[in-house]
Structure formats: structure tokens, C-alpha cells
Full PDB file with SEQRES, HELIX, SHEET, SSBOND, CRYST1, ORIGX, SCALE, CONECT and MASTER records, all heavy atoms in Angstrom:
SEQRES   1 A   31  PRO SER LEU LEU ALA HIS LEU ALA ASP HIS ALA VAL VAL          
SEQRES   2 A   31  GLU HIS ALA GLU GLY TRP THR TRP ALA PHE ASP PRO ALA          
SEQRES   3 A   31  LEU PHE VAL GLY HIS                                          
HELIX    1 AA1 SER A    2  ASP A    9  1                                   8    
HELIX    2 AA2 PRO A   25  PHE A   28  5                                   4    
SHEET    1 AA1 2 VAL A  12  HIS A  15  0                                        
SHEET    2 AA1 2 GLY A  18  TRP A  21 -1                                        
CRYST1    1.000    1.000    1.000  90.00  90.00  90.00 P 1           1          
ORIGX1      1.000000  0.000000  0.000000        0.00000                         
ORIGX2      0.000000  1.000000  0.000000        0.00000                         
ORIGX3      0.000000  0.000000  1.000000        0.00000                         
SCALE1      1.000000  0.000000  0.000000        0.00000                         
SCALE2      0.000000  1.000000  0.000000        0.00000                         
SCALE3      0.000000  0.000000  1.000000        0.00000                         
ATOM      1  N   PRO A   1      15.423   6.511  -5.750  1.00  0.00           N  
ATOM      2  CA  PRO A   1      14.391   7.131  -4.902  1.00  0.00           C  
ATOM      3  C   PRO A   1      13.044   6.418  -4.933  1.00  0.00           C  
ATOM      4  O   PRO A   1      12.288   6.480  -3.959  1.00  0.00           O  
ATOM      5  CB  PRO A   1      14.272   8.551  -5.489  1.00  0.00           C  
ATOM      6  CG  PRO A   1      15.580   8.808  -6.163  1.00  0.00           C  
ATOM      7  CD  PRO A   1      16.049   7.486  -6.681  1.00  0.00           C  
ATOM      8  N   SER A   2      12.726   5.720  -6.012  1.00  0.00           N  
ATOM      9  CA  SER A   2      11.442   5.022  -6.086  1.00  0.00           C  
ATOM     10  C   SER A   2      11.329   3.935  -5.028  1.00  0.00           C  
ATOM     11  O   SER A   2      10.229   3.647  -4.548  1.00  0.00           O  
ATOM     12  CB  SER A   2      11.240   4.416  -7.476  1.00  0.00           C  
ATOM     13  OG  SER A   2      12.240   3.448  -7.760  1.00  0.00           O  
ATOM     14  N   LEU A   3      12.447   3.339  -4.645  1.00  0.00           N  
ATOM     15  CA  LEU A   3      12.404   2.306  -3.615  1.00  0.00           C  
ATOM     16  C   LEU A   3      12.104   2.921  -2.254  1.00  0.00           C  
ATOM     17  O   LEU A   3      11.302   2.383  -1.478  1.00  0.00           O  
ATOM     18  CB  LEU A   3      13.725   1.534  -3.586  1.00  0.00           C  
ATOM     19  CG  LEU A   3      13.815   0.378  -2.586  1.00  0.00           C  
ATOM     20  CD1 LEU A   3      12.653  -0.587  -2.723  1.00  0.00           C  
ATOM     21  CD2 LEU A   3      15.145  -0.356  -2.740  1.00  0.00           C  
ATOM     22  N   LEU A   4      12.709   4.062  -1.956  1.00  0.00           N  
ATOM     23  CA  LEU A   4      12.417   4.745  -0.699  1.00  0.00           C  
ATOM     24  C   LEU A   4      10.956   5.191  -0.662  1.00  0.00           C  
ATOM     25  O   LEU A   4      10.283   5.063   0.374  1.00  0.00           O  
ATOM     26  CB  LEU A   4      13.349   5.946  -0.527  1.00  0.00           C  
ATOM     27  CG  LEU A   4      13.386   6.570   0.873  1.00  0.00           C  
ATOM     28  CD1 LEU A   4      13.969   5.598   1.882  1.00  0.00           C  
ATOM     29  CD2 LEU A   4      14.194   7.856   0.865  1.00  0.00           C  
ATOM     30  N   ALA A   5      10.440   5.710  -1.774  1.00  0.00           N  
ATOM     31  CA  ALA A   5       9.038   6.119  -1.837  1.00  0.00           C  
ATOM     32  C   ALA A   5       8.115   4.930  -1.627  1.00  0.00           C  
ATOM     33  O   ALA A   5       7.063   5.038  -0.965  1.00  0.00           O  
ATOM     34  CB  ALA A   5       8.747   6.785  -3.178  1.00  0.00           C  
ATOM     35  N   HIS A   6       8.495   3.780  -2.163  1.00  0.00           N  
ATOM     36  CA  HIS A   6       7.711   2.550  -1.983  1.00  0.00           C  
ATOM     37  C   HIS A   6       7.614   2.192  -0.499  1.00  0.00           C  
ATOM     38  O   HIS A   6       6.536   1.870   0.012  1.00  0.00           O  
ATOM     39  CB  HIS A   6       8.370   1.429  -2.777  1.00  0.00           C  
ATOM     40  CG  HIS A   6       7.758   0.085  -2.597  1.00  0.00           C  
ATOM     41  ND1 HIS A   6       6.625  -0.325  -3.255  1.00  0.00           N  
ATOM     42  CD2 HIS A   6       8.128  -0.965  -1.813  1.00  0.00           C  
ATOM     43  CE1 HIS A   6       6.323  -1.563  -2.902  1.00  0.00           C  
ATOM     44  NE2 HIS A   6       7.222  -1.972  -2.026  1.00  0.00           N  
ATOM     45  N   LEU A   7       8.734   2.262   0.203  1.00  0.00           N  
ATOM     46  CA  LEU A   7       8.732   1.964   1.644  1.00  0.00           C  
ATOM     47  C   LEU A   7       7.848   2.949   2.397  1.00  0.00           C  
ATOM     48  O   LEU A   7       7.057   2.559   3.263  1.00  0.00           O  
ATOM     49  CB  LEU A   7      10.146   2.038   2.209  1.00  0.00           C  
ATOM     50  CG  LEU A   7      11.224   1.151   1.629  1.00  0.00           C  
ATOM     51  CD1 LEU A   7      12.477   1.253   2.481  1.00  0.00           C  
ATOM     52  CD2 LEU A   7      10.764  -0.282   1.522  1.00  0.00           C  
ATOM     53  N   ALA A   8       8.004   4.227   2.077  1.00  0.00           N  
ATOM     54  CA  ALA A   8       7.255   5.262   2.785  1.00  0.00           C  
ATOM     55  C   ALA A   8       5.756   5.106   2.578  1.00  0.00           C  
ATOM     56  O   ALA A   8       4.961   5.254   3.524  1.00  0.00           O  
ATOM     57  CB  ALA A   8       7.709   6.643   2.324  1.00  0.00           C  
ATOM     58  N   ASP A   9       5.349   4.788   1.350  1.00  0.00           N  
ATOM     59  CA  ASP A   9       3.919   4.660   1.059  1.00  0.00           C  
ATOM     60  C   ASP A   9       3.260   3.572   1.895  1.00  0.00           C  
ATOM     61  O   ASP A   9       2.071   3.661   2.216  1.00  0.00           O  
ATOM     62  CB  ASP A   9       3.711   4.346  -0.427  1.00  0.00           C  
ATOM     63  CG  ASP A   9       3.974   5.540  -1.323  1.00  0.00           C  
ATOM     64  OD1 ASP A   9       4.031   6.674  -0.801  1.00  0.00           O  
ATOM     65  OD2 ASP A   9       4.141   5.334  -2.540  1.00  0.00           O  
ATOM     66  N   HIS A  10       4.037   2.538   2.246  1.00  0.00           N  
ATOM     67  CA  HIS A  10       3.486   1.420   3.009  1.00  0.00           C  
ATOM     68  C   HIS A  10       3.836   1.501   4.496  1.00  0.00           C  
ATOM     69  O   HIS A  10       3.555   0.563   5.246  1.00  0.00           O  
ATOM     70  CB  HIS A  10       3.971   0.098   2.426  1.00  0.00           C  
ATOM     71  CG  HIS A  10       3.444  -0.161   1.043  1.00  0.00           C  
ATOM     72  ND1 HIS A  10       2.169  -0.635   0.820  1.00  0.00           N  
ATOM     73  CD2 HIS A  10       4.000   0.025  -0.176  1.00  0.00           C  
ATOM     74  CE1 HIS A  10       1.958  -0.755  -0.477  1.00  0.00           C  
ATOM     75  NE2 HIS A  10       3.053  -0.354  -1.108  1.00  0.00           N  
ATOM     76  N   ALA A  11       4.432   2.608   4.908  1.00  0.00           N  
ATOM     77  CA  ALA A  11       4.865   2.756   6.299  1.00  0.00           C  
ATOM     78  C   ALA A  11       3.846   3.467   7.167  1.00  0.00           C  
ATOM     79  O   ALA A  11       4.088   3.662   8.359  1.00  0.00           O  
ATOM     80  CB  ALA A  11       6.191   3.511   6.354  1.00  0.00           C  
ATOM     81  N   VAL A  12       2.705   3.876   6.602  1.00  0.00           N  
ATOM     82  CA  VAL A  12       1.733   4.671   7.349  1.00  0.00           C  
ATOM     83  C   VAL A  12       0.369   3.988   7.348  1.00  0.00           C  
ATOM     84  O   VAL A  12       0.021   3.255   6.429  1.00  0.00           O  
ATOM     85  CB  VAL A  12       1.606   6.097   6.765  1.00  0.00           C  
ATOM     86  CG1 VAL A  12       2.933   6.839   6.877  1.00  0.00           C  
ATOM     87  CG2 VAL A  12       1.145   6.068   5.312  1.00  0.00           C  
ATOM     88  N   VAL A  13      -0.388   4.245   8.400  1.00  0.00           N  
ATOM     89  CA  VAL A  13      -1.751   3.732   8.536  1.00  0.00           C  
ATOM     90  C   VAL A  13      -2.627   4.861   9.069  1.00  0.00           C  
ATOM     91  O   VAL A  13      -2.141   5.796   9.717  1.00  0.00           O  
ATOM     92  CB  VAL A  13      -1.836   2.516   9.486  1.00  0.00           C  
ATOM     93  CG1 VAL A  13      -1.124   1.309   8.885  1.00  0.00           C  
ATOM     94  CG2 VAL A  13      -1.255   2.853  10.852  1.00  0.00           C  
ATOM     95  N   GLU A  14      -3.909   4.757   8.819  1.00  0.00           N  
ATOM     96  CA  GLU A  14      -4.839   5.792   9.270  1.00  0.00           C  
ATOM     97  C   GLU A  14      -5.528   5.361  10.551  1.00  0.00           C  
ATOM     98  O   GLU A  14      -6.085   4.269  10.638  1.00  0.00           O  
ATOM     99  CB  GLU A  14      -5.879   6.089   8.193  1.00  0.00           C  
ATOM    100  CG  GLU A  14      -6.743   7.310   8.515  1.00  0.00           C  
ATOM    101  CD  GLU A  14      -7.678   7.686   7.382  1.00  0.00           C  
ATOM    102  OE1 GLU A  14      -7.899   6.848   6.485  1.00  0.00           O  
ATOM    103  OE2 GLU A  14      -8.185   8.834   7.391  1.00  0.00           O  
ATOM    104  N   HIS A  15      -5.474   6.219  11.576  1.00  0.00           N  
ATOM    105  CA  HIS A  15      -6.182   6.049  12.838  1.00  0.00           C  
ATOM    106  C   HIS A  15      -7.232   7.153  12.946  1.00  0.00           C  
ATOM    107  O   HIS A  15      -7.260   8.089  12.140  1.00  0.00           O  
ATOM    108  CB  HIS A  15      -5.220   6.139  14.029  1.00  0.00           C  
ATOM    109  CG  HIS A  15      -4.342   4.928  14.177  1.00  0.00           C  
ATOM    110  ND1 HIS A  15      -3.641   4.673  15.322  1.00  0.00           N  
ATOM    111  CD2 HIS A  15      -4.054   3.911  13.328  1.00  0.00           C  
ATOM    112  CE1 HIS A  15      -2.955   3.553  15.181  1.00  0.00           C  
ATOM    113  NE2 HIS A  15      -3.185   3.081  13.979  1.00  0.00           N  
ATOM    114  N   ALA A  16      -8.048   7.064  13.964  1.00  0.00           N  
ATOM    115  CA  ALA A  16      -9.070   8.092  14.173  1.00  0.00           C  
ATOM    116  C   ALA A  16      -8.443   9.472  14.348  1.00  0.00           C  
ATOM    117  O   ALA A  16      -9.008  10.487  13.933  1.00  0.00           O  
ATOM    118  CB  ALA A  16      -9.926   7.739  15.386  1.00  0.00           C  
ATOM    119  N   GLU A  17      -7.240   9.513  14.954  1.00  0.00           N  
ATOM    120  CA  GLU A  17      -6.573  10.789  15.212  1.00  0.00           C  
ATOM    121  C   GLU A  17      -5.826  11.319  13.994  1.00  0.00           C  
ATOM    122  O   GLU A  17      -5.336  12.444  14.017  1.00  0.00           O  
ATOM    123  CB  GLU A  17      -5.596  10.639  16.382  1.00  0.00           C  
ATOM    124  CG  GLU A  17      -6.245  10.243  17.703  1.00  0.00           C  
ATOM    125  CD  GLU A  17      -6.312   8.724  17.854  1.00  0.00           C  
ATOM    126  OE1 GLU A  17      -6.217   8.004  16.831  1.00  0.00           O  
ATOM    127  OE2 GLU A  17      -6.469   8.253  18.993  1.00  0.00           O  
ATOM    128  N   GLY A  18      -5.676  10.510  12.960  1.00  0.00           N  
ATOM    129  CA  GLY A  18      -4.952  10.921  11.774  1.00  0.00           C  
ATOM    130  C   GLY A  18      -4.044   9.816  11.273  1.00  0.00           C  
ATOM    131  O   GLY A  18      -4.140   8.665  11.705  1.00  0.00           O  
ATOM    132  N   TRP A  19      -3.147  10.150  10.373  1.00  0.00           N  
ATOM    133  CA  TRP A  19      -2.201   9.191   9.822  1.00  0.00           C  
ATOM    134  C   TRP A  19      -0.984   9.076  10.736  1.00  0.00           C  
ATOM    135  O   TRP A  19      -0.491  10.068  11.264  1.00  0.00           O  
ATOM    136  CB  TRP A  19      -1.765   9.631   8.433  1.00  0.00           C  
ATOM    137  CG  TRP A  19      -2.863   9.465   7.423  1.00  0.00           C  
ATOM    138  CD1 TRP A  19      -3.847  10.359   7.117  1.00  0.00           C  
ATOM    139  CD2 TRP A  19      -3.093   8.323   6.606  1.00  0.00           C  
ATOM    140  NE1 TRP A  19      -4.687   9.851   6.163  1.00  0.00           N  
ATOM    141  CE2 TRP A  19      -4.241   8.592   5.813  1.00  0.00           C  
ATOM    142  CE3 TRP A  19      -2.442   7.092   6.437  1.00  0.00           C  
ATOM    143  CZ2 TRP A  19      -4.752   7.683   4.900  1.00  0.00           C  
ATOM    144  CZ3 TRP A  19      -2.942   6.198   5.518  1.00  0.00           C  
ATOM    145  CH2 TRP A  19      -4.075   6.484   4.757  1.00  0.00           C  
ATOM    146  N   THR A  20      -0.500   7.839  10.912  1.00  0.00           N  
ATOM    147  CA  THR A  20       0.643   7.614  11.784  1.00  0.00           C  
ATOM    148  C   THR A  20       1.463   6.465  11.227  1.00  0.00           C  
ATOM    149  O   THR A  20       1.055   5.758  10.298  1.00  0.00           O  
ATOM    150  CB  THR A  20       0.188   7.328  13.226  1.00  0.00           C  
ATOM    151  OG1 THR A  20       1.325   7.345  14.093  1.00  0.00           O  
ATOM    152  CG2 THR A  20      -0.520   5.977  13.338  1.00  0.00           C  
ATOM    153  N   TRP A  21       2.645   6.257  11.800  1.00  0.00           N  
ATOM    154  CA  TRP A  21       3.507   5.166  11.357  1.00  0.00           C  
ATOM    155  C   TRP A  21       2.874   3.823  11.707  1.00  0.00           C  
ATOM    156  O   TRP A  21       2.190   3.688  12.720  1.00  0.00           O  
ATOM    157  CB  TRP A  21       4.887   5.283  11.992  1.00  0.00           C  
ATOM    158  CG  TRP A  21       5.586   6.569  11.703  1.00  0.00           C  
ATOM    159  CD1 TRP A  21       5.976   7.517  12.609  1.00  0.00           C  
ATOM    160  CD2 TRP A  21       5.977   7.076  10.422  1.00  0.00           C  
ATOM    161  NE1 TRP A  21       6.586   8.569  11.971  1.00  0.00           N  
ATOM    162  CE2 TRP A  21       6.599   8.323  10.623  1.00  0.00           C  
ATOM    163  CE3 TRP A  21       5.868   6.591   9.108  1.00  0.00           C  
ATOM    164  CZ2 TRP A  21       7.111   9.091   9.579  1.00  0.00           C  
ATOM    165  CZ3 TRP A  21       6.372   7.350   8.058  1.00  0.00           C  
ATOM    166  CH2 TRP A  21       6.982   8.580   8.301  1.00  0.00           C  
ATOM    167  N   ALA A  22       3.155   2.813  10.894  1.00  0.00           N  
ATOM    168  CA  ALA A  22       2.512   1.508  11.060  1.00  0.00           C  
ATOM    169  C   ALA A  22       3.122   0.682  12.181  1.00  0.00           C  
ATOM    170  O   ALA A  22       2.541  -0.333  12.573  1.00  0.00           O  
ATOM    171  CB  ALA A  22       2.579   0.730   9.739  1.00  0.00           C  
ATOM    172  N   PHE A  23       4.277   1.072  12.708  1.00  0.00           N  
ATOM    173  CA  PHE A  23       4.841   0.318  13.834  1.00  0.00           C  
ATOM    174  C   PHE A  23       4.325   0.876  15.155  1.00  0.00           C  
ATOM    175  O   PHE A  23       3.877   2.023  15.241  1.00  0.00           O  
ATOM    176  CB  PHE A  23       6.376   0.340  13.806  1.00  0.00           C  
ATOM    177  CG  PHE A  23       6.987   1.711  13.955  1.00  0.00           C  
ATOM    178  CD1 PHE A  23       7.143   2.291  15.204  1.00  0.00           C  
ATOM    179  CD2 PHE A  23       7.422   2.412  12.846  1.00  0.00           C  
ATOM    180  CE1 PHE A  23       7.707   3.560  15.349  1.00  0.00           C  
ATOM    181  CE2 PHE A  23       7.989   3.673  12.964  1.00  0.00           C  
ATOM    182  CZ  PHE A  23       8.122   4.242  14.223  1.00  0.00           C  
ATOM    183  N   ASP A  24       4.395   0.064  16.186  1.00  0.00           N  
ATOM    184  CA  ASP A  24       3.973   0.473  17.519  1.00  0.00           C  
ATOM    185  C   ASP A  24       5.140   1.189  18.209  1.00  0.00           C  
ATOM    186  O   ASP A  24       6.192   0.586  18.422  1.00  0.00           O  
ATOM    187  CB  ASP A  24       3.565  -0.766  18.324  1.00  0.00           C  
ATOM    188  CG  ASP A  24       3.006  -0.438  19.692  1.00  0.00           C  
ATOM    189  OD1 ASP A  24       3.049   0.739  20.100  1.00  0.00           O  
ATOM    190  OD2 ASP A  24       2.511  -1.373  20.358  1.00  0.00           O  
ATOM    191  N   PRO A  25       4.986   2.459  18.588  1.00  0.00           N  
ATOM    192  CA  PRO A  25       6.100   3.158  19.257  1.00  0.00           C  
ATOM    193  C   PRO A  25       6.545   2.491  20.550  1.00  0.00           C  
ATOM    194  O   PRO A  25       7.696   2.668  20.972  1.00  0.00           O  
ATOM    195  CB  PRO A  25       5.510   4.551  19.533  1.00  0.00           C  
ATOM    196  CG  PRO A  25       4.388   4.713  18.575  1.00  0.00           C  
ATOM    197  CD  PRO A  25       3.829   3.344  18.374  1.00  0.00           C  
ATOM    198  N   ALA A  26       5.658   1.709  21.174  1.00  0.00           N  
ATOM    199  CA  ALA A  26       6.034   1.027  22.415  1.00  0.00           C  
ATOM    200  C   ALA A  26       7.202   0.071  22.214  1.00  0.00           C  
ATOM    201  O   ALA A  26       7.897  -0.278  23.174  1.00  0.00           O  
ATOM    202  CB  ALA A  26       4.836   0.273  22.984  1.00  0.00           C  
ATOM    203  N   LEU A  27       7.442  -0.352  20.973  1.00  0.00           N  
ATOM    204  CA  LEU A  27       8.579  -1.215  20.690  1.00  0.00           C  
ATOM    205  C   LEU A  27       9.898  -0.561  21.065  1.00  0.00           C  
ATOM    206  O   LEU A  27      10.888  -1.252  21.340  1.00  0.00           O  
ATOM    207  CB  LEU A  27       8.614  -1.551  19.190  1.00  0.00           C  
ATOM    208  CG  LEU A  27       7.565  -2.506  18.652  1.00  0.00           C  
ATOM    209  CD1 LEU A  27       7.424  -2.325  17.146  1.00  0.00           C  
ATOM    210  CD2 LEU A  27       7.938  -3.935  18.999  1.00  0.00           C  
ATOM    211  N   PHE A  28       9.924   0.757  21.077  1.00  0.00           N  
ATOM    212  CA  PHE A  28      11.177   1.475  21.262  1.00  0.00           C  
ATOM    213  C   PHE A  28      11.291   2.113  22.640  1.00  0.00           C  
ATOM    214  O   PHE A  28      12.116   2.989  22.866  1.00  0.00           O  
ATOM    215  CB  PHE A  28      11.336   2.510  20.148  1.00  0.00           C  
ATOM    216  CG  PHE A  28      11.384   1.859  18.801  1.00  0.00           C  
ATOM    217  CD1 PHE A  28      10.241   1.742  18.029  1.00  0.00           C  
ATOM    218  CD2 PHE A  28      12.560   1.297  18.344  1.00  0.00           C  
ATOM    219  CE1 PHE A  28      10.277   1.103  16.803  1.00  0.00           C  
ATOM    220  CE2 PHE A  28      12.606   0.657  17.118  1.00  0.00           C  
ATOM    221  CZ  PHE A  28      11.457   0.563  16.353  1.00  0.00           C  
ATOM    222  N   VAL A  29      10.475   1.652  23.548  1.00  0.00           N  
ATOM    223  CA  VAL A  29      10.606   2.057  24.947  1.00  0.00           C  
ATOM    224  C   VAL A  29      11.328   0.905  25.649  1.00  0.00           C  
ATOM    225  O   VAL A  29      10.729   0.016  26.247  1.00  0.00           O  
ATOM    226  CB  VAL A  29       9.233   2.341  25.586  1.00  0.00           C  
ATOM    227  CG1 VAL A  29       9.415   2.813  27.028  1.00  0.00           C  
ATOM    228  CG2 VAL A  29       8.471   3.376  24.780  1.00  0.00           C  
ATOM    229  N   GLY A  30      12.655   0.889  25.498  1.00  0.00           N  
ATOM    230  CA  GLY A  30      13.444  -0.220  26.026  1.00  0.00           C  
ATOM    231  C   GLY A  30      13.371  -1.422  25.103  1.00  0.00           C  
ATOM    232  O   GLY A  30      12.643  -1.449  24.114  1.00  0.00           O  
ATOM    233  N   HIS A  31      14.160  -2.443  25.412  1.00  0.00           N  
ATOM    234  CA  HIS A  31      14.180  -3.672  24.631  1.00  0.00           C  
ATOM    235  C   HIS A  31      13.296  -4.716  25.287  1.00  0.00           C  
ATOM    236  O   HIS A  31      13.149  -4.742  26.517  1.00  0.00           O  
ATOM    237  CB  HIS A  31      15.605  -4.238  24.559  1.00  0.00           C  
ATOM    238  CG  HIS A  31      16.548  -3.404  23.747  1.00  0.00           C  
ATOM    239  ND1 HIS A  31      16.592  -3.461  22.379  1.00  0.00           N  
ATOM    240  CD2 HIS A  31      17.477  -2.494  24.123  1.00  0.00           C  
ATOM    241  CE1 HIS A  31      17.515  -2.618  21.936  1.00  0.00           C  
ATOM    242  NE2 HIS A  31      18.070  -2.026  22.972  1.00  0.00           N  
TER     243      HIS A  31                                                      
MASTER        0    0    0    2    2    0    0    6  242    1    0    3          
END                                                                             
């Protein structure tokens, strides 16, 4: 579980609106 926690801790970034995932969701609107 420590490896999954490690990934999760680095998977988020802070924006003005709050914390969100570090990837751009637009990547998943089609290929």
C-alpha cells in the first residue's frame, strides 16, 4: 500500500478552485 500512497501523494496539484489531479482531463476527450 505504501507504493499506491506514494503515487497518490504526487498525483494532485493545487489550483485556485482547489486540489485536482495533475493530468489534463482534455487528454481523455478522444485520442
